[in-house]
C-alpha atoms as a PDB file:
ATOM      1  CA  MET A   1      21.247 148.053 205.773  1.00  0.00           C
ATOM      2  CA  VAL A   2      25.124 148.523 206.141  1.00  0.00           C
ATOM      3  CA  GLN A   3      26.635 151.811 206.566  1.00  0.00           C
ATOM      4  CA  LEU A   4      30.166 152.772 206.020  1.00  0.00           C
ATOM      5  CA  LEU A   5      32.859 154.383 208.589  1.00  0.00           C
ATOM      6  CA  ASP A   6      33.654 156.496 205.476  1.00  0.00           C
ATOM      7  CA  GLY A   7      37.449 157.008 207.252  1.00  0.00           C
ATOM      8  CA  LYS A   8      38.349 159.022 204.265  1.00  0.00           C
ATOM      9  CA  ALA A   9      35.920 161.377 204.229  1.00  0.00           C
ATOM     10  CA  MET A  10      36.262 161.734 208.207  1.00  0.00           C
ATOM     11  CA  ALA A  11      40.001 162.390 207.563  1.00  0.00           C
ATOM     12  CA  LEU A  12      39.284 165.268 205.143  1.00  0.00           C
ATOM     13  CA  GLN A  13      37.121 166.879 207.969  1.00  0.00           C
ATOM     14  CA  ILE A  14      39.744 166.391 211.045  1.00  0.00           C
ATOM     15  CA  LYS A  15      42.145 167.895 208.476  1.00  0.00           C
ATOM     16  CA  ASP A  16      40.326 170.924 207.889  1.00  0.00           C
ATOM     17  CA  GLU A  17      40.170 171.892 211.521  1.00  0.00           C
ATOM     18  CA  ILE A  18      43.838 171.299 212.078  1.00  0.00           C
ATOM     19  CA  ALA A  19      44.461 173.509 208.752  1.00  0.00           C
ATOM     20  CA  ASN A  20      41.945 176.381 210.535  1.00  0.00           C
ATOM     21  CA  GLU A  21      44.041 176.013 213.636  1.00  0.00           C
ATOM     22  CA  VAL A  22      47.115 176.215 212.332  1.00  0.00           C
ATOM     23  CA  ARG A  23      46.310 179.084 210.076  1.00  0.00           C
ATOM     24  CA  ALA A  24      44.867 180.798 212.934  1.00  0.00           C
ATOM     25  CA  LEU A  25      48.207 180.510 214.790  1.00  0.00           C
ATOM     26  CA  THR A  26      50.514 181.992 212.143  1.00  0.00           C
ATOM     27  CA  GLN A  27      48.253 184.922 211.265  1.00  0.00           C
ATOM     28  CA  GLN A  28      48.901 185.592 214.957  1.00  0.00           C
ATOM     29  CA  GLY A  29      52.870 185.247 214.115  1.00  0.00           C
ATOM     30  CA  HIS A  30      53.169 182.047 215.696  1.00  0.00           C
ATOM     31  CA  ARG A  31      55.502 179.471 213.801  1.00  0.00           C
ATOM     32  CA  ALA A  32      53.826 176.314 212.226  1.00  0.00           C
ATOM     33  CA  PRO A  33      54.034 173.264 213.489  1.00  0.00           C
ATOM     34  CA  HIS A  34      57.052 170.726 212.418  1.00  0.00           C
ATOM     35  CA  LEU A  35      57.014 167.182 211.628  1.00  0.00           C
ATOM     36  CA  ALA A  36      60.250 164.782 210.965  1.00  0.00           C
ATOM     37  CA  ALA A  37      60.335 161.850 209.346  1.00  0.00           C
ATOM     38  CA  VAL A  38      63.462 159.355 209.269  1.00  0.00           C
ATOM     39  CA  ILE A  39      63.589 156.736 206.521  1.00  0.00           C
ATOM     40  CA  VAL A  40      66.231 154.300 206.042  1.00  0.00           C
ATOM     41  CA  GLY A  41      66.479 152.631 202.922  1.00  0.00           C
ATOM     42  CA  GLU A  42      63.814 152.277 200.066  1.00  0.00           C
ATOM     43  CA  ASP A  43      61.337 149.887 201.250  1.00  0.00           C
ATOM     44  CA  GLY A  44      58.562 150.927 198.511  1.00  0.00           C
ATOM     45  CA  ALA A  45      55.454 150.644 201.011  1.00  0.00           C
ATOM     46  CA  SER A  46      57.711 153.069 203.430  1.00  0.00           C
ATOM     47  CA  MET A  47      58.453 155.576 200.394  1.00  0.00           C
ATOM     48  CA  THR A  48      54.861 155.674 200.031  1.00  0.00           C
ATOM     49  CA  TYR A  49      53.313 156.151 203.262  1.00  0.00           C
ATOM     50  CA  VAL A  50      56.209 158.691 204.283  1.00  0.00           C
ATOM     51  CA  ALA A  51      55.565 161.228 200.801  1.00  0.00           C
ATOM     52  CA  ASN A  52      51.706 160.400 202.149  1.00  0.00           C
ATOM     53  CA  LYS A  53      52.951 161.440 205.448  1.00  0.00           C
ATOM     54  CA  GLU A  54      54.641 164.897 203.888  1.00  0.00           C
ATOM     55  CA  LYS A  55      51.807 165.609 201.649  1.00  0.00           C
ATOM     56  CA  SER A  56      49.254 165.860 204.540  1.00  0.00           C
ATOM     57  CA  SER A  57      51.621 167.805 206.671  1.00  0.00           C
ATOM     58  CA  HIS A  58      51.771 170.324 203.475  1.00  0.00           C
ATOM     59  CA  GLU A  59      48.132 170.422 203.195  1.00  0.00           C
ATOM     60  CA  VAL A  60      47.211 171.208 207.054  1.00  0.00           C
ATOM     61  CA  GLY A  61      50.016 173.813 206.883  1.00  0.00           C
ATOM     62  CA  PHE A  62      52.511 171.686 208.796  1.00  0.00           C
ATOM     63  CA  THR A  63      56.418 172.326 208.445  1.00  0.00           C
ATOM     64  CA  SER A  64      57.749 168.729 206.943  1.00  0.00           C
ATOM     65  CA  SER A  65      61.348 167.467 206.738  1.00  0.00           C
ATOM     66  CA  VAL A  66      62.481 164.061 205.805  1.00  0.00           C
ATOM     67  CA  TYR A  67      65.664 162.402 206.656  1.00  0.00           C
ATOM     68  CA  ARG A  68      66.167 160.131 203.941  1.00  0.00           C
ATOM     69  CA  MET A  69      69.058 157.346 204.877  1.00  0.00           C
ATOM     70  CA  SER A  70      70.760 154.958 202.647  1.00  0.00           C
ATOM     71  CA  GLU A  71      70.080 151.157 203.669  1.00  0.00           C
ATOM     72  CA  LYS A  72      73.912 150.857 204.690  1.00  0.00           C
ATOM     73  CA  THR A  73      72.892 153.733 207.152  1.00  0.00           C
ATOM     74  CA  THR A  74      74.803 151.825 210.501  1.00  0.00           C
ATOM     75  CA  GLU A  75      72.599 151.924 213.736  1.00  0.00           C
ATOM     76  CA  ALA A  76      75.283 154.495 215.547  1.00  0.00           C
ATOM     77  CA  GLN A  77      74.402 156.936 212.790  1.00  0.00           C
ATOM     78  CA  LEU A  78      70.601 156.569 212.611  1.00  0.00           C
ATOM     79  CA  LEU A  79      70.719 157.315 216.749  1.00  0.00           C
ATOM     80  CA  GLU A  80      72.570 160.174 216.170  1.00  0.00           C
ATOM     81  CA  THR A  81      70.056 161.251 213.686  1.00  0.00           C
ATOM     82  CA  ILE A  82      67.320 160.714 216.608  1.00  0.00           C
ATOM     83  CA  GLU A  83      69.378 162.507 219.094  1.00  0.00           C
ATOM     84  CA  PHE A  84      69.800 165.812 216.742  1.00  0.00           C
ATOM     85  CA  LEU A  85      65.806 165.746 215.885  1.00  0.00           C
ATOM     86  CA  ASN A  86      65.136 165.099 219.876  1.00  0.00           C
ATOM     87  CA  ASN A  87      67.329 168.474 220.518  1.00  0.00           C
ATOM     88  CA  ASP A  88      66.320 170.392 217.841  1.00  0.00           C
ATOM     89  CA  PRO A  89      64.071 173.294 219.288  1.00  0.00           C
ATOM     90  CA  ASP A  90      62.283 174.064 215.799  1.00  0.00           C
ATOM     91  CA  ILE A  91      60.803 169.979 215.481  1.00  0.00           C
ATOM     92  CA  ASP A  92      57.776 169.389 217.549  1.00  0.00           C
ATOM     93  CA  GLY A  93      57.351 165.234 216.856  1.00  0.00           C
ATOM     94  CA  PHE A  94      58.903 162.858 214.619  1.00  0.00           C
ATOM     95  CA  ILE A  95      58.634 159.536 213.600  1.00  0.00           C
ATOM     96  CA  VAL A  96      61.126 156.713 212.469  1.00  0.00           C
ATOM     97  CA  GLN A  97      59.786 154.897 210.020  1.00  0.00           C
ATOM     98  CA  LEU A  98      59.295 150.991 210.268  1.00  0.00           C
ATOM     99  CA  PRO A  99      60.524 148.513 209.166  1.00  0.00           C
ATOM    100  CA  LEU A 100      64.026 149.268 209.642  1.00  0.00           C
ATOM    101  CA  PRO A 101      66.811 147.176 207.615  1.00  0.00           C
ATOM    102  CA  LYS A 102      68.053 144.080 209.874  1.00  0.00           C
ATOM    103  CA  HIS A 103      71.386 145.084 211.040  1.00  0.00           C
ATOM    104  CA  ILE A 104      69.645 147.669 213.222  1.00  0.00           C
ATOM    105  CA  ASN A 105      67.800 147.145 216.477  1.00  0.00           C
ATOM    106  CA  GLU A 106      64.450 148.537 216.060  1.00  0.00           C
ATOM    107  CA  GLN A 107      63.407 148.818 219.818  1.00  0.00           C
ATOM    108  CA  LYS A 108      66.752 150.289 220.941  1.00  0.00           C
ATOM    109  CA  VAL A 109      65.900 153.128 217.923  1.00  0.00           C
ATOM    110  CA  ILE A 110      62.489 153.524 219.394  1.00  0.00           C
ATOM    111  CA  ASN A 111      63.783 153.719 223.072  1.00  0.00           C
ATOM    112  CA  ALA A 112      66.271 156.501 221.872  1.00  0.00           C
ATOM    113  CA  ILE A 113      63.172 158.853 220.711  1.00  0.00           C
ATOM    114  CA  SER A 114      62.401 161.504 223.266  1.00  0.00           C
ATOM    115  CA  PRO A 115      58.721 160.805 224.637  1.00  0.00           C
ATOM    116  CA  GLU A 116      57.729 164.527 224.201  1.00  0.00           C
ATOM    117  CA  LYS A 117      58.666 164.222 220.349  1.00  0.00           C
ATOM    118  CA  ASP A 118      57.352 160.484 219.508  1.00  0.00           C
ATOM    119  CA  VAL A 119      54.430 161.219 217.778  1.00  0.00           C
ATOM    120  CA  ASP A 120      54.180 157.490 216.690  1.00  0.00           C
ATOM    121  CA  GLY A 121      53.292 156.707 220.449  1.00  0.00           C
ATOM    122  CA  PHE A 122      55.675 153.988 220.404  1.00  0.00           C
ATOM    123  CA  THR A 123      58.261 154.615 223.245  1.00  0.00           C
ATOM    124  CA  PRO A 124      57.707 152.574 226.273  1.00  0.00           C
ATOM    125  CA  VAL A 125      57.295 156.173 228.425  1.00  0.00           C
ATOM    126  CA  ASN A 126      54.357 156.760 226.090  1.00  0.00           C
ATOM    127  CA  ILE A 127      52.682 153.369 225.888  1.00  0.00           C
ATOM    128  CA  GLY A 128      53.167 152.930 230.040  1.00  0.00           C
ATOM    129  CA  ARG A 129      51.051 156.296 230.180  1.00  0.00           C
ATOM    130  CA  MET A 130      48.537 154.929 227.617  1.00  0.00           C
ATOM    131  CA  VAL A 131      47.839 151.853 230.038  1.00  0.00           C
ATOM    132  CA  LEU A 132      47.556 154.482 232.892  1.00  0.00           C
ATOM    133  CA  GLY A 133      45.333 156.358 231.415  1.00  0.00           C
ATOM    134  CA  GLU A 134      47.993 159.492 231.670  1.00  0.00           C
ATOM    135  CA  GLU A 135      48.223 161.757 228.587  1.00  0.00           C
ATOM    136  CA  CYS A 136      50.497 160.764 226.241  1.00  0.00           C
ATOM    137  CA  PHE A 137      50.608 160.231 222.501  1.00  0.00           C
ATOM    138  CA  VAL A 138      48.635 157.424 221.344  1.00  0.00           C
ATOM    139  CA  PRO A 139      49.752 155.099 218.393  1.00  0.00           C
ATOM    140  CA  ALA A 140      48.127 156.725 215.358  1.00  0.00           C
ATOM    141  CA  THR A 141      46.151 153.426 214.066  1.00  0.00           C
ATOM    142  CA  PRO A 142      44.368 152.538 217.294  1.00  0.00           C
ATOM    143  CA  MET A 143      43.949 155.937 217.702  1.00  0.00           C
ATOM    144  CA  GLY A 144      42.205 156.600 214.499  1.00  0.00           C
ATOM    145  CA  ILE A 145      40.107 153.532 215.582  1.00  0.00           C
ATOM    146  CA  CYS A 146      38.748 155.316 218.734  1.00  0.00           C
ATOM    147  CA  THR A 147      38.195 158.559 216.635  1.00  0.00           C
ATOM    148  CA  LEU A 148      36.097 156.607 213.585  1.00  0.00           C
ATOM    149  CA  LEU A 149      33.863 155.134 216.555  1.00  0.00           C
ATOM    150  CA  LYS A 150      33.659 157.971 218.327  1.00  0.00           C
ATOM    151  CA  ARG A 151      32.795 160.318 215.634  1.00  0.00           C
ATOM    152  CA  TYR A 152      30.505 158.320 214.025  1.00  0.00           C
ATOM    153  CA  GLY A 153      28.794 158.094 217.523  1.00  0.00           C
ATOM    154  CA  ILE A 154      28.756 154.226 217.931  1.00  0.00           C
ATOM    155  CA  GLU A 155      27.573 153.022 221.123  1.00  0.00           C
ATOM    156  CA  THR A 156      30.466 151.504 223.250  1.00  0.00           C
ATOM    157  CA  ALA A 157      29.808 151.635 226.893  1.00  0.00           C
ATOM    158  CA  GLY A 158      29.528 148.128 227.919  1.00  0.00           C
ATOM    159  CA  LYS A 159      29.631 146.197 224.391  1.00  0.00           C
ATOM    160  CA  HIS A 160      31.352 143.199 224.014  1.00  0.00           C
ATOM    161  CA  CYS A 161      34.644 144.428 221.834  1.00  0.00           C
ATOM    162  CA  VAL A 162      36.628 141.511 220.031  1.00  0.00           C
ATOM    163  CA  VAL A 163      40.424 142.859 218.983  1.00  0.00           C
ATOM    164  CA  ILE A 164      41.869 139.884 216.539  1.00  0.00           C
ATOM    165  CA  GLY A 165      45.565 140.869 216.395  1.00  0.00           C
ATOM    166  CA  ARG A 166      48.215 141.502 219.650  1.00  0.00           C
ATOM    167  CA  SER A 167      50.620 143.555 217.870  1.00  0.00           C
ATOM    168  CA  ASN A 168      52.267 146.608 220.057  1.00  0.00           C
ATOM    169  CA  ILE A 169      51.452 148.775 217.262  1.00  0.00           C
ATOM    170  CA  VAL A 170      47.375 147.978 216.576  1.00  0.00           C
ATOM    171  CA  GLY A 171      45.465 144.880 218.757  1.00  0.00           C
ATOM    172  CA  THR A 172      47.374 145.553 222.120  1.00  0.00           C
ATOM    173  CA  PRO A 173      47.152 149.541 222.384  1.00  0.00           C
ATOM    174  CA  ALA A 174      43.433 149.243 220.256  1.00  0.00           C
ATOM    175  CA  ALA A 175      42.543 146.589 223.224  1.00  0.00           C
ATOM    176  CA  ASN A 176      43.371 148.942 226.128  1.00  0.00           C
ATOM    177  CA  LEU A 177      42.138 151.763 224.580  1.00  0.00           C
ATOM    178  CA  LEU A 178      38.645 150.643 224.142  1.00  0.00           C
ATOM    179  CA  SER A 179      38.678 149.412 227.452  1.00  0.00           C
ATOM    180  CA  ARG A 180      38.976 152.439 229.081  1.00  0.00           C
ATOM    181  CA  LYS A 181      36.172 155.013 230.411  1.00  0.00           C
ATOM    182  CA  GLY A 182      35.084 156.831 227.599  1.00  0.00           C
ATOM    183  CA  PHE A 183      34.650 154.095 225.410  1.00  0.00           C
ATOM    184  CA  ASP A 184      33.933 151.218 228.265  1.00  0.00           C
ATOM    185  CA  CYS A 185      33.733 148.259 226.201  1.00  0.00           C
ATOM    186  CA  THR A 186      34.206 144.454 227.446  1.00  0.00           C
ATOM    187  CA  VAL A 187      37.069 143.568 225.637  1.00  0.00           C
ATOM    188  CA  THR A 188      38.646 140.039 224.517  1.00  0.00           C
ATOM    189  CA  MET A 189      41.872 139.658 222.787  1.00  0.00           C
ATOM    190  CA  CYS A 190      42.340 136.755 220.531  1.00  0.00           C
ATOM    191  CA  HIS A 191      45.765 135.771 218.444  1.00  0.00           C
ATOM    192  CA  SER A 192      47.124 133.112 216.892  1.00  0.00           C
ATOM    193  CA  LYS A 193      47.021 130.613 220.014  1.00  0.00           C
ATOM    194  CA  THR A 194      43.063 131.533 220.268  1.00  0.00           C
ATOM    195  CA  GLN A 195      41.231 128.638 220.394  1.00  0.00           C
ATOM    196  CA  ASN A 196      37.603 128.252 218.641  1.00  0.00           C
ATOM    197  CA  LEU A 197      38.253 131.557 217.214  1.00  0.00           C
ATOM    198  CA  PRO A 198      34.605 131.769 215.122  1.00  0.00           C
ATOM    199  CA  GLU A 199      32.770 131.003 218.411  1.00  0.00           C
ATOM    200  CA  ILE A 200      34.191 133.991 220.460  1.00  0.00           C
ATOM    201  CA  THR A 201      33.846 136.653 217.802  1.00  0.00           C
ATOM    202  CA  ARG A 202      30.425 135.699 216.877  1.00  0.00           C
ATOM    203  CA  GLN A 203      29.794 137.130 220.172  1.00  0.00           C
ATOM    204  CA  ALA A 204      31.501 140.497 219.250  1.00  0.00           C
ATOM    205  CA  ASP A 205      29.577 143.706 219.071  1.00  0.00           C
ATOM    206  CA  ILE A 206      32.448 145.604 217.827  1.00  0.00           C
ATOM    207  CA  LEU A 207      35.016 143.149 216.316  1.00  0.00           C
ATOM    208  CA  VAL A 208      38.199 144.606 215.183  1.00  0.00           C
ATOM    209  CA  VAL A 209      40.081 142.947 213.000  1.00  0.00           C
ATOM    210  CA  ALA A 210      44.341 143.503 212.713  1.00  0.00           C
ATOM    211  CA  ILE A 211      45.484 140.080 212.379  1.00  0.00           C
ATOM    212  CA  GLY A 212      47.470 140.945 208.755  1.00  0.00           C
ATOM    213  CA  LYS A 213      46.002 137.823 206.667  1.00  0.00           C
ATOM    214  CA  PRO A 214      43.781 138.635 203.551  1.00  0.00           C
ATOM    215  CA  GLU A 215      40.299 137.928 203.905  1.00  0.00           C
ATOM    216  CA  PHE A 216      40.906 136.060 207.251  1.00  0.00           C
ATOM    217  CA  VAL A 217      37.304 137.069 208.432  1.00  0.00           C
ATOM    218  CA  THR A 218      34.494 135.226 206.759  1.00  0.00           C
ATOM    219  CA  ALA A 219      30.795 135.692 207.187  1.00  0.00           C
ATOM    220  CA  ASP A 220      30.542 132.661 209.878  1.00  0.00           C
ATOM    221  CA  MET A 221      32.409 134.704 212.482  1.00  0.00           C
ATOM    222  CA  VAL A 222      30.357 137.738 212.241  1.00  0.00           C
ATOM    223  CA  LYS A 223      26.762 138.055 214.270  1.00  0.00           C
ATOM    224  CA  GLU A 224      24.010 140.212 212.792  1.00  0.00           C
ATOM    225  CA  GLY A 225      24.216 143.734 213.537  1.00  0.00           C
ATOM    226  CA  ALA A 226      27.954 143.770 214.749  1.00  0.00           C
ATOM    227  CA  VAL A 227      30.188 146.799 213.970  1.00  0.00           C
ATOM    228  CA  VAL A 228      33.108 145.456 212.170  1.00  0.00           C
ATOM    229  CA  VAL A 229      36.520 147.482 211.688  1.00  0.00           C
ATOM    230  CA  ASP A 230      38.970 146.032 209.426  1.00  0.00           C
ATOM    231  CA  VAL A 231      42.486 147.486 209.915  1.00  0.00           C
ATOM    232  CA  GLY A 232      44.312 145.389 207.297  1.00  0.00           C
ATOM    233  CA  ILE A 233      45.150 146.551 203.897  1.00  0.00           C
ATOM    234  CA  HIS A 234      46.912 144.118 201.298  1.00  0.00           C
ATOM    235  CA  ARG A 235      47.599 144.262 197.504  1.00  0.00           C
ATOM    236  CA  VAL A 236      46.595 141.429 195.583  1.00  0.00           C
ATOM    237  CA  ALA A 237      47.456 140.604 191.540  1.00  0.00           C
ATOM    238  CA  ASP A 238      44.274 141.660 189.404  1.00  0.00           C
ATOM    239  CA  ALA A 239      44.614 141.950 185.736  1.00  0.00           C
ATOM    240  CA  SER A 240      41.502 143.928 185.448  1.00  0.00           C
ATOM    241  CA  LYS A 241      42.925 146.564 187.014  1.00  0.00           C
ATOM    242  CA  LYS A 242      44.937 149.340 185.383  1.00  0.00           C
ATOM    243  CA  ASN A 243      47.750 149.316 187.879  1.00  0.00           C
ATOM    244  CA  GLY A 244      47.505 145.503 187.959  1.00  0.00           C
ATOM    245  CA  TYR A 245      46.455 145.079 191.656  1.00  0.00           C
ATOM    246  CA  ARG A 246      43.591 145.464 194.112  1.00  0.00           C
ATOM    247  CA  VAL A 247      43.526 146.645 197.913  1.00  0.00           C
ATOM    248  CA  ILE A 248      41.672 144.194 200.361  1.00  0.00           C
ATOM    249  CA  GLY A 249      41.547 143.810 203.844  1.00  0.00           C
ATOM    250  CA  ASP A 250      41.488 141.316 206.672  1.00  0.00           C
ATOM    251  CA  VAL A 251      37.844 140.788 206.058  1.00  0.00           C
ATOM    252  CA  ARG A 252      36.246 139.003 203.347  1.00  0.00           C
ATOM    253  CA  HIS A 253      33.760 142.135 202.697  1.00  0.00           C
ATOM    254  CA  SER A 254      31.981 140.493 199.891  1.00  0.00           C
ATOM    255  CA  GLU A 255      29.993 138.213 202.249  1.00  0.00           C
ATOM    256  CA  VAL A 256      30.661 140.045 205.282  1.00  0.00           C
ATOM    257  CA  ASP A 257      29.193 143.507 204.976  1.00  0.00           C
ATOM    258  CA  ALA A 258      25.718 142.360 204.543  1.00  0.00           C
ATOM    259  CA  LYS A 259      25.632 141.533 208.306  1.00  0.00           C
ATOM    260  CA  CYS A 260      26.944 144.299 209.614  1.00  0.00           C
ATOM    261  CA  SER A 261      25.727 147.758 211.023  1.00  0.00           C
ATOM    262  CA  TRP A 262      28.786 149.409 210.430  1.00  0.00           C
ATOM    263  CA  VAL A 263      31.852 148.387 208.427  1.00  0.00           C
ATOM    264  CA  THR A 264      34.918 150.358 207.379  1.00  0.00           C
ATOM    265  CA  PRO A 265      35.685 150.147 203.915  1.00  0.00           C
ATOM    266  CA  VAL A 266      39.188 149.086 202.338  1.00  0.00           C
ATOM    267  CA  PRO A 267      40.490 151.249 201.223  1.00  0.00           C
ATOM    268  CA  GLY A 268      39.404 154.421 202.976  1.00  0.00           C
ATOM    269  CA  GLY A 269      38.339 153.310 206.427  1.00  0.00           C
ATOM    270  CA  VAL A 270      40.741 153.056 209.289  1.00  0.00           C
ATOM    271  CA  GLY A 271      44.189 153.767 206.912  1.00  0.00           C
ATOM    272  CA  PRO A 272      43.408 157.679 206.377  1.00  0.00           C
ATOM    273  CA  LEU A 273      42.652 157.905 210.095  1.00  0.00           C
ATOM    274  CA  THR A 274      45.999 156.837 210.722  1.00  0.00           C
ATOM    275  CA  ILE A 275      48.100 159.636 209.133  1.00  0.00           C
ATOM    276  CA  VAL A 276      45.719 162.325 210.544  1.00  0.00           C
ATOM    277  CA  SER A 277      46.443 161.001 214.091  1.00  0.00           C
ATOM    278  CA  LEU A 278      49.673 161.781 213.483  1.00  0.00           C
ATOM    279  CA  LEU A 279      48.791 164.975 212.480  1.00  0.00           C
ATOM    280  CA  GLN A 280      46.816 165.404 215.540  1.00  0.00           C
ATOM    281  CA  ASN A 281      49.774 164.398 218.194  1.00  0.00           C
ATOM    282  CA  THR A 282      51.991 166.624 216.013  1.00  0.00           C
ATOM    283  CA  LEU A 283      49.676 169.361 216.722  1.00  0.00           C
ATOM    284  CA  ALA A 284      49.498 168.606 220.671  1.00  0.00           C
ATOM    285  CA  ALA A 285      52.964 168.129 220.944  1.00  0.00           C
ATOM    286  CA  TYR A 286      53.623 171.687 219.432  1.00  0.00           C
ATOM    287  CA  HIS A 287      51.047 173.317 222.023  1.00  0.00           C
ATOM    288  CA  ARG A 288      53.097 171.310 224.723  1.00  0.00           C
ATOM    289  CA  HIS A 289      56.367 172.700 223.432  1.00  0.00           C
ATOM    290  CA  GLU A 290      55.102 176.214 222.887  1.00  0.00           C
ATOM    291  CA  GLY A 291      52.860 176.082 225.918  1.00  0.00           C
ATOM    292  CA  ARG A 292      50.118 177.190 224.365  1.00  0.00           C
END
């Protein structure tokens, strides 16, 4: 029978652990960790995500700041804000919410973030450190995937892990992390140019799906007993729902779940661990910053 990799329950447990640590620090007279976020424009999904980050920060006792900038903000103005945050000793880590307006060069902005405050793990320095297996800030979603597998005791050593998707935010770092010591998977990365995709995915003991296409993975692409991690999240119209939509992933769960040994639900799987991973990175940045 399929078992759930319940990210929502796991996130609550980890939040409690972080909150207890922060409480102990503040009771000893230390300041709380400080996470900041920069958002440019009024993209609905981005605003929701930043609001959730702010809410989660407060729940664990962090100080939280949000810098809201207009859609017309120039690249130079945004870079000035980043320079200010890089040099503010009270801020342990910050994120610049993506996507940015089209007139701003995202990579230039990411490159301007201090690697020591890059709690999203997107700067070239942190990506390079991750590839080399050095201490770094790991991108939040791949970190959340690894946390789920580890905390649920999923056997990974020597297992064939197939990752569908090669984005710099999820697929590529997830493939790298799962191949390293501690996880020791044999990893195959698939993408838009992969031939005979179902033939490859049917070999997967662990299938990580981060392709960004609603219900792309179907039952014929999954072997019996596989562990399936669905990173996708999409809103589709549904008149039967009060809010007018339902949330689905990159996997057609109605037919795939019955074949799995473990599977992440959507919603409530990888998503909650993404924000928690950001909190964990911020706490680590705080300890480095304070020398504790």
